[in-house]
Amino acid sequence: MDHQVVGVLGASGGLGVSSLAVAVGLRACARFGATVCLDGDAVGGGLDVTACLEHLPGLRWPDLEAARGQIDGAALLRALPAEGSLRVLAARAAAPGRDVMVATLAALAELCPVTVVDLGRSLRLVDQCTHVVLLSGVAARHLADAAAVVPALLERSPDVRLALRAARRDPVQPEDVASLLDLPLATVLHQDPRAVTDADRARMPGARPSSVLARAAEDVVAVLALSGQNGRAAS
């Protein structure tokens, strides 16, 4: 498949963007091999914590602040904290310049079939993504936030899809929300009563195959696989 960069963006705060990004990265490993997840909002708290890798040595974004010129993607990949085939480049409250972030992302994406960017709520790296998954809730404020950001997303990314966090008995239908926002629906995330237990046991998001996150991530990965097949057919 062609190398793809999928950004996960939250329309609102508190929806679990980082967890979904890690889950997509983890499930992509099983299908495509070496995958890297990186913090696209590099002043945040740290994607390695979400991935339960914060105790491992390796480079974080502040270590690249002084980088200049071309980035050695292979050397960087080897220097990142890893769990199996998944590697993570995490924030530590200090961000390098955008040029460094773009060069780093490009170097990693050249090597990995799938690179996942946790965009948080920032559009800073959206234009570097081949696909964007917009995570929204179904409350009125969530939908207003999503509707506000969609036009800017569509201007910057060739492929934007919706992931919806909703309760199973919620009266709002996911297909209706997708139609309202005029976005294809990638997946729906329902409540998972075992999510807290997974976190307490330091289980990486998406590691439990039956979990809501794992199933949602598989839906996103299936989109990437289909996109890769279509890209090969077109060429």
C-alpha atoms as a PDB file:
ATOM      1  CA  MET A   1       0.000   0.000   0.000  1.00  0.00           C
ATOM      2  CA  ASP A   2       1.052   3.613  -0.392  1.00  0.00           C
ATOM      3  CA  HIS A   3       2.394   5.245   2.741  1.00  0.00           C
ATOM      4  CA  GLN A   4      -0.447   7.058   4.462  1.00  0.00           C
ATOM      5  CA  VAL A   5      -0.678   9.658   7.221  1.00  0.00           C
ATOM      6  CA  VAL A   6      -3.902   9.655   9.210  1.00  0.00           C
ATOM      7  CA  GLY A   7      -4.641  12.541  11.550  1.00  0.00           C
ATOM      8  CA  VAL A   8      -7.115  12.180  14.412  1.00  0.00           C
ATOM      9  CA  LEU A   9      -8.712  15.501  15.344  1.00  0.00           C
ATOM     10  CA  GLY A  10     -11.122  16.319  18.142  1.00  0.00           C
ATOM     11  CA  ALA A  11     -14.002  18.633  17.321  1.00  0.00           C
ATOM     12  CA  SER A  12     -14.276  19.251  21.074  1.00  0.00           C
ATOM     13  CA  GLY A  13     -12.109  18.496  24.076  1.00  0.00           C
ATOM     14  CA  GLY A  14     -12.433  15.400  26.223  1.00  0.00           C
ATOM     15  CA  LEU A  15     -13.592  12.960  23.546  1.00  0.00           C
ATOM     16  CA  GLY A  16     -10.595  10.615  23.681  1.00  0.00           C
ATOM     17  CA  VAL A  17      -8.654  11.671  20.591  1.00  0.00           C
ATOM     18  CA  SER A  18      -5.314  10.403  21.927  1.00  0.00           C
ATOM     19  CA  SER A  19      -6.761   7.018  22.844  1.00  0.00           C
ATOM     20  CA  LEU A  20      -8.272   6.613  19.382  1.00  0.00           C
ATOM     21  CA  ALA A  21      -5.010   7.664  17.726  1.00  0.00           C
ATOM     22  CA  VAL A  22      -3.028   5.069  19.688  1.00  0.00           C
ATOM     23  CA  ALA A  23      -5.637   2.395  18.994  1.00  0.00           C
ATOM     24  CA  VAL A  24      -5.487   3.111  15.255  1.00  0.00           C
ATOM     25  CA  GLY A  25      -1.704   2.872  15.366  1.00  0.00           C
ATOM     26  CA  LEU A  26      -1.805  -0.402  17.273  1.00  0.00           C
ATOM     27  CA  ARG A  27      -4.350  -2.035  14.981  1.00  0.00           C
ATOM     28  CA  ALA A  28      -2.528  -0.742  11.895  1.00  0.00           C
ATOM     29  CA  CYS A  29       0.601  -2.577  13.059  1.00  0.00           C
ATOM     30  CA  ALA A  30      -1.181  -5.907  12.838  1.00  0.00           C
ATOM     31  CA  ARG A  31      -2.135  -5.292   9.203  1.00  0.00           C
ATOM     32  CA  PHE A  32       0.676  -3.167   7.791  1.00  0.00           C
ATOM     33  CA  GLY A  33       3.741  -3.595  10.028  1.00  0.00           C
ATOM     34  CA  ALA A  34       5.850  -0.820  11.547  1.00  0.00           C
ATOM     35  CA  THR A  35       3.673   2.129  12.530  1.00  0.00           C
ATOM     36  CA  VAL A  36       4.459   5.353  14.348  1.00  0.00           C
ATOM     37  CA  CYS A  37       2.111   7.563  16.372  1.00  0.00           C
ATOM     38  CA  LEU A  38       3.133  11.134  17.073  1.00  0.00           C
ATOM     39  CA  ASP A  39       1.820  14.111  18.956  1.00  0.00           C
ATOM     40  CA  GLY A  40       0.775  16.698  16.398  1.00  0.00           C
ATOM     41  CA  ASP A  41       0.064  19.226  19.132  1.00  0.00           C
ATOM     42  CA  ALA A  42       3.542  19.036  20.598  1.00  0.00           C
ATOM     43  CA  VAL A  43       2.930  21.251  23.629  1.00  0.00           C
ATOM     44  CA  GLY A  44       0.472  18.717  25.045  1.00  0.00           C
ATOM     45  CA  GLY A  45       0.945  16.208  27.835  1.00  0.00           C
ATOM     46  CA  GLY A  46       2.456  13.231  26.052  1.00  0.00           C
ATOM     47  CA  LEU A  47       1.112  10.501  23.786  1.00  0.00           C
ATOM     48  CA  ASP A  48       3.521   8.020  25.373  1.00  0.00           C
ATOM     49  CA  VAL A  49       1.468   8.230  28.580  1.00  0.00           C
ATOM     50  CA  THR A  50      -1.706   7.304  26.693  1.00  0.00           C
ATOM     51  CA  ALA A  51       0.202   4.447  25.037  1.00  0.00           C
ATOM     52  CA  CYS A  52       1.564   3.279  28.445  1.00  0.00           C
ATOM     53  CA  LEU A  53       5.156   3.778  27.220  1.00  0.00           C
ATOM     54  CA  GLU A  54       6.146   6.769  29.344  1.00  0.00           C
ATOM     55  CA  HIS A  55       8.537   4.629  31.401  1.00  0.00           C
ATOM     56  CA  LEU A  56      10.619   3.685  28.355  1.00  0.00           C
ATOM     57  CA  PRO A  57      13.725   5.594  27.254  1.00  0.00           C
ATOM     58  CA  GLY A  58      13.809   7.239  23.853  1.00  0.00           C
ATOM     59  CA  LEU A  59      13.447  10.554  22.085  1.00  0.00           C
ATOM     60  CA  ARG A  60      10.577  12.989  22.580  1.00  0.00           C
ATOM     61  CA  TRP A  61       9.712  16.162  20.659  1.00  0.00           C
ATOM     62  CA  PRO A  62      11.942  18.485  22.767  1.00  0.00           C
ATOM     63  CA  ASP A  63      14.966  16.349  21.813  1.00  0.00           C
ATOM     64  CA  LEU A  64      14.428  17.403  18.193  1.00  0.00           C
ATOM     65  CA  GLU A  65      14.120  21.128  18.874  1.00  0.00           C
ATOM     66  CA  ALA A  66      17.610  21.856  17.543  1.00  0.00           C
ATOM     67  CA  ALA A  67      17.302  19.610  14.471  1.00  0.00           C
ATOM     68  CA  ARG A  68      18.249  21.233  11.182  1.00  0.00           C
ATOM     69  CA  GLY A  69      18.065  20.034   7.604  1.00  0.00           C
ATOM     70  CA  GLN A  70      17.026  16.543   6.581  1.00  0.00           C
ATOM     71  CA  ILE A  71      15.882  14.156   9.309  1.00  0.00           C
ATOM     72  CA  ASP A  72      17.293  10.627   9.358  1.00  0.00           C
ATOM     73  CA  GLY A  73      14.005   8.759   9.616  1.00  0.00           C
ATOM     74  CA  ALA A  74      15.509   5.316  10.182  1.00  0.00           C
ATOM     75  CA  ALA A  75      17.723   6.493  13.043  1.00  0.00           C
ATOM     76  CA  LEU A  76      14.843   8.413  14.604  1.00  0.00           C
ATOM     77  CA  LEU A  77      12.508   5.444  14.341  1.00  0.00           C
ATOM     78  CA  ARG A  78      15.018   3.256  16.182  1.00  0.00           C
ATOM     79  CA  ALA A  79      15.360   5.877  18.927  1.00  0.00           C
ATOM     80  CA  LEU A  80      11.639   6.143  19.768  1.00  0.00           C
ATOM     81  CA  PRO A  81       9.903   4.324  22.629  1.00  0.00           C
ATOM     82  CA  ALA A  82       8.320   1.185  21.210  1.00  0.00           C
ATOM     83  CA  GLU A  83       5.920  -1.639  21.936  1.00  0.00           C
ATOM     84  CA  GLY A  84       6.322  -4.307  19.299  1.00  0.00           C
ATOM     85  CA  SER A  85       6.004  -2.654  15.889  1.00  0.00           C
ATOM     86  CA  LEU A  86       4.404   0.512  17.285  1.00  0.00           C
ATOM     87  CA  ARG A  87       6.606   3.515  18.031  1.00  0.00           C
ATOM     88  CA  VAL A  88       5.583   6.798  19.634  1.00  0.00           C
ATOM     89  CA  LEU A  89       6.946  10.334  19.330  1.00  0.00           C
ATOM     90  CA  ALA A  90       5.476  12.193  22.273  1.00  0.00           C
ATOM     91  CA  ALA A  91       5.186  15.760  23.470  1.00  0.00           C
ATOM     92  CA  ARG A  92       6.790  17.100  26.617  1.00  0.00           C
ATOM     93  CA  ALA A  93       5.231  20.577  26.964  1.00  0.00           C
ATOM     94  CA  ALA A  94       7.762  22.132  24.557  1.00  0.00           C
ATOM     95  CA  ALA A  95       7.407  22.113  20.789  1.00  0.00           C
ATOM     96  CA  PRO A  96      10.008  22.434  18.036  1.00  0.00           C
ATOM     97  CA  GLY A  97       9.191  24.745  15.155  1.00  0.00           C
ATOM     98  CA  ARG A  98       6.666  23.688  12.558  1.00  0.00           C
ATOM     99  CA  ASP A  99       9.426  23.165   9.966  1.00  0.00           C
ATOM    100  CA  VAL A 100      11.063  20.576  12.224  1.00  0.00           C
ATOM    101  CA  MET A 101       7.742  18.863  12.883  1.00  0.00           C
ATOM    102  CA  VAL A 102       6.899  18.694   9.179  1.00  0.00           C
ATOM    103  CA  ALA A 103      10.359  17.368   8.273  1.00  0.00           C
ATOM    104  CA  THR A 104      10.160  14.775  11.040  1.00  0.00           C
ATOM    105  CA  LEU A 105       6.705  13.622  10.009  1.00  0.00           C
ATOM    106  CA  ALA A 106       7.809  13.343   6.377  1.00  0.00           C
ATOM    107  CA  ALA A 107      10.889  11.306   7.310  1.00  0.00           C
ATOM    108  CA  LEU A 108       8.872   8.863   9.421  1.00  0.00           C
ATOM    109  CA  ALA A 109       6.032   8.602   6.905  1.00  0.00           C
ATOM    110  CA  GLU A 110       8.512   7.683   4.187  1.00  0.00           C
ATOM    111  CA  LEU A 111       9.448   4.561   6.141  1.00  0.00           C
ATOM    112  CA  CYS A 112       6.170   3.505   7.758  1.00  0.00           C
ATOM    113  CA  PRO A 113       3.136   2.308   5.780  1.00  0.00           C
ATOM    114  CA  VAL A 114       0.926   4.138   8.290  1.00  0.00           C
ATOM    115  CA  THR A 115       1.759   7.160  10.425  1.00  0.00           C
ATOM    116  CA  VAL A 116      -0.859   8.344  12.915  1.00  0.00           C
ATOM    117  CA  VAL A 117      -0.911  11.965  14.086  1.00  0.00           C
ATOM    118  CA  ASP A 118      -2.728  12.884  17.273  1.00  0.00           C
ATOM    119  CA  LEU A 119      -3.805  16.370  16.219  1.00  0.00           C
ATOM    120  CA  GLY A 120      -5.631  17.143  19.460  1.00  0.00           C
ATOM    121  CA  ARG A 121      -7.712  20.148  18.455  1.00  0.00           C
ATOM    122  CA  SER A 122      -4.956  21.753  16.408  1.00  0.00           C
ATOM    123  CA  LEU A 123      -5.020  22.163  12.615  1.00  0.00           C
ATOM    124  CA  ARG A 124      -1.249  22.735  12.564  1.00  0.00           C
ATOM    125  CA  LEU A 125      -0.374  19.525  10.716  1.00  0.00           C
ATOM    126  CA  VAL A 126      -3.657  18.746   8.985  1.00  0.00           C
ATOM    127  CA  ASP A 127      -2.218  19.674   5.593  1.00  0.00           C
ATOM    128  CA  GLN A 128       0.421  16.946   6.048  1.00  0.00           C
ATOM    129  CA  CYS A 129      -2.205  14.207   6.438  1.00  0.00           C
ATOM    130  CA  THR A 130      -3.549  12.042   3.639  1.00  0.00           C
ATOM    131  CA  HIS A 131      -6.608  11.233   5.775  1.00  0.00           C
ATOM    132  CA  VAL A 132      -8.258  12.943   8.743  1.00  0.00           C
ATOM    133  CA  VAL A 133     -10.663  11.369  11.212  1.00  0.00           C
ATOM    134  CA  LEU A 134     -12.780  13.999  12.976  1.00  0.00           C
ATOM    135  CA  LEU A 135     -13.966  12.753  16.371  1.00  0.00           C
ATOM    136  CA  SER A 136     -17.205  14.345  17.564  1.00  0.00           C
ATOM    137  CA  GLY A 137     -19.832  13.790  20.203  1.00  0.00           C
ATOM    138  CA  VAL A 138     -23.579  14.113  19.675  1.00  0.00           C
ATOM    139  CA  ALA A 139     -24.442  16.844  22.180  1.00  0.00           C
ATOM    140  CA  ALA A 140     -25.493  20.186  20.727  1.00  0.00           C
ATOM    141  CA  ARG A 141     -22.169  21.811  21.624  1.00  0.00           C
ATOM    142  CA  HIS A 142     -20.222  18.911  20.125  1.00  0.00           C
ATOM    143  CA  LEU A 143     -22.120  19.190  16.856  1.00  0.00           C
ATOM    144  CA  ALA A 144     -21.659  22.956  16.768  1.00  0.00           C
ATOM    145  CA  ASP A 145     -17.905  22.519  17.283  1.00  0.00           C
ATOM    146  CA  ALA A 146     -17.756  19.899  14.530  1.00  0.00           C
ATOM    147  CA  ALA A 147     -19.744  22.012  12.076  1.00  0.00           C
ATOM    148  CA  ALA A 148     -17.423  24.949  12.738  1.00  0.00           C
ATOM    149  CA  VAL A 149     -14.223  23.038  11.955  1.00  0.00           C
ATOM    150  CA  VAL A 150     -15.372  20.979   8.949  1.00  0.00           C
ATOM    151  CA  PRO A 151     -14.929  23.740   6.313  1.00  0.00           C
ATOM    152  CA  ALA A 152     -11.327  24.372   7.376  1.00  0.00           C
ATOM    153  CA  LEU A 153     -10.627  20.634   7.351  1.00  0.00           C
ATOM    154  CA  LEU A 154     -11.995  20.152   3.867  1.00  0.00           C
ATOM    155  CA  GLU A 155      -9.803  22.977   2.609  1.00  0.00           C
ATOM    156  CA  ARG A 156      -6.676  21.311   4.005  1.00  0.00           C
ATOM    157  CA  SER A 157      -7.200  17.562   3.633  1.00  0.00           C
ATOM    158  CA  PRO A 158      -8.293  15.454   0.639  1.00  0.00           C
ATOM    159  CA  ASP A 159     -10.070  12.863   2.813  1.00  0.00           C
ATOM    160  CA  VAL A 160     -12.028  13.715   5.977  1.00  0.00           C
ATOM    161  CA  ARG A 161     -14.212  11.153   7.756  1.00  0.00           C
ATOM    162  CA  LEU A 162     -16.312  11.218  10.895  1.00  0.00           C
ATOM    163  CA  ALA A 163     -15.881   9.159  14.050  1.00  0.00           C
ATOM    164  CA  LEU A 164     -18.783   9.628  16.421  1.00  0.00           C
ATOM    165  CA  ARG A 165     -18.811   9.036  20.172  1.00  0.00           C
ATOM    166  CA  ALA A 166     -22.376   8.214  21.202  1.00  0.00           C
ATOM    167  CA  ALA A 167     -24.326   6.226  23.769  1.00  0.00           C
ATOM    168  CA  ARG A 168     -26.099   3.114  22.513  1.00  0.00           C
ATOM    169  CA  ARG A 169     -29.510   4.500  23.450  1.00  0.00           C
ATOM    170  CA  ASP A 170     -28.811   7.998  22.212  1.00  0.00           C
ATOM    171  CA  PRO A 171     -31.760   9.252  20.141  1.00  0.00           C
ATOM    172  CA  VAL A 172     -29.404  10.879  17.636  1.00  0.00           C
ATOM    173  CA  GLN A 173     -28.601   8.515  14.770  1.00  0.00           C
ATOM    174  CA  PRO A 174     -24.956   8.467  13.610  1.00  0.00           C
ATOM    175  CA  GLU A 175     -26.002   8.503   9.965  1.00  0.00           C
ATOM    176  CA  ASP A 176     -28.013  11.666  10.581  1.00  0.00           C
ATOM    177  CA  VAL A 177     -24.991  13.392  12.117  1.00  0.00           C
ATOM    178  CA  ALA A 178     -22.811  12.338   9.179  1.00  0.00           C
ATOM    179  CA  SER A 179     -25.416  13.728   6.801  1.00  0.00           C
ATOM    180  CA  LEU A 180     -25.629  16.969   8.790  1.00  0.00           C
ATOM    181  CA  LEU A 181     -21.863  17.429   8.618  1.00  0.00           C
ATOM    182  CA  ASP A 182     -21.687  16.105   5.040  1.00  0.00           C
ATOM    183  CA  LEU A 183     -18.913  13.656   5.964  1.00  0.00           C
ATOM    184  CA  PRO A 184     -18.651   9.898   5.415  1.00  0.00           C
ATOM    185  CA  LEU A 185     -19.051   7.974   8.679  1.00  0.00           C
ATOM    186  CA  ALA A 186     -15.941   5.966   9.524  1.00  0.00           C
ATOM    187  CA  THR A 187     -16.973   4.500  12.878  1.00  0.00           C
ATOM    188  CA  VAL A 188     -19.065   4.905  16.027  1.00  0.00           C
ATOM    189  CA  LEU A 189     -17.596   4.625  19.527  1.00  0.00           C
ATOM    190  CA  HIS A 190     -20.066   3.543  22.184  1.00  0.00           C
ATOM    191  CA  GLN A 191     -19.403   3.531  25.913  1.00  0.00           C
ATOM    192  CA  ASP A 192     -17.048   0.819  27.144  1.00  0.00           C
ATOM    193  CA  PRO A 193     -17.451  -0.114  30.825  1.00  0.00           C
ATOM    194  CA  ARG A 194     -14.052  -1.828  30.841  1.00  0.00           C
ATOM    195  CA  ALA A 195     -12.098   1.195  29.571  1.00  0.00           C
ATOM    196  CA  VAL A 196     -11.197   2.377  33.078  1.00  0.00           C
ATOM    197  CA  THR A 197      -9.991  -1.105  34.026  1.00  0.00           C
ATOM    198  CA  ASP A 198      -7.848  -1.244  30.880  1.00  0.00           C
ATOM    199  CA  ALA A 199      -6.197   2.049  31.822  1.00  0.00           C
ATOM    200  CA  ASP A 200      -5.641   0.944  35.428  1.00  0.00           C
ATOM    201  CA  ARG A 201      -3.888  -2.180  34.136  1.00  0.00           C
ATOM    202  CA  ALA A 202      -1.687  -0.120  31.787  1.00  0.00           C
ATOM    203  CA  ARG A 203      -3.265  -1.816  28.797  1.00  0.00           C
ATOM    204  CA  MET A 204      -2.652   0.148  25.605  1.00  0.00           C
ATOM    205  CA  PRO A 205      -5.800   1.583  23.993  1.00  0.00           C
ATOM    206  CA  GLY A 206      -7.041  -0.886  21.397  1.00  0.00           C
ATOM    207  CA  ALA A 207      -5.038  -3.795  22.805  1.00  0.00           C
ATOM    208  CA  ARG A 208      -8.142  -5.685  23.940  1.00  0.00           C
ATOM    209  CA  PRO A 209      -9.614  -6.970  20.649  1.00  0.00           C
ATOM    210  CA  SER A 210     -13.217  -6.824  21.870  1.00  0.00           C
ATOM    211  CA  SER A 211     -12.958  -3.251  23.129  1.00  0.00           C
ATOM    212  CA  VAL A 212     -14.850  -0.339  21.633  1.00  0.00           C
ATOM    213  CA  LEU A 213     -11.558   1.357  20.737  1.00  0.00           C
ATOM    214  CA  ALA A 214     -10.192  -1.731  19.000  1.00  0.00           C
ATOM    215  CA  ARG A 215     -13.314  -2.116  16.874  1.00  0.00           C
ATOM    216  CA  ALA A 216     -13.381   1.587  16.000  1.00  0.00           C
ATOM    217  CA  ALA A 217      -9.695   1.527  15.121  1.00  0.00           C
ATOM    218  CA  GLU A 218     -10.244  -1.508  12.893  1.00  0.00           C
ATOM    219  CA  ASP A 219     -12.900   0.473  11.035  1.00  0.00           C
ATOM    220  CA  VAL A 220     -10.393   3.274  10.403  1.00  0.00           C
ATOM    221  CA  VAL A 221      -7.669   0.825   9.375  1.00  0.00           C
ATOM    222  CA  ALA A 222     -10.077  -0.785   6.911  1.00  0.00           C
ATOM    223  CA  VAL A 223     -10.550   2.629   5.291  1.00  0.00           C
ATOM    224  CA  LEU A 224      -6.772   2.967   4.963  1.00  0.00           C
ATOM    225  CA  ALA A 225      -6.475  -0.481   3.419  1.00  0.00           C
ATOM    226  CA  LEU A 226      -9.205   0.256   0.900  1.00  0.00           C
ATOM    227  CA  SER A 227      -7.620   3.588   0.069  1.00  0.00           C
ATOM    228  CA  GLY A 228      -4.293   1.863  -0.526  1.00  0.00           C
ATOM    229  CA  GLN A 229      -5.930  -0.674  -2.838  1.00  0.00           C
ATOM    230  CA  ASN A 230      -7.669   2.064  -4.791  1.00  0.00           C
ATOM    231  CA  GLY A 231      -4.428   3.983  -5.076  1.00  0.00           C
ATOM    232  CA  ARG A 232      -2.644   0.978  -6.563  1.00  0.00           C
ATOM    233  CA  ALA A 233      -5.506   0.324  -8.969  1.00  0.00           C
ATOM    234  CA  ALA A 234      -5.428   3.924 -10.176  1.00  0.00           C
ATOM    235  CA  SER A 235      -1.688   3.771 -10.819  1.00  0.00           C
END
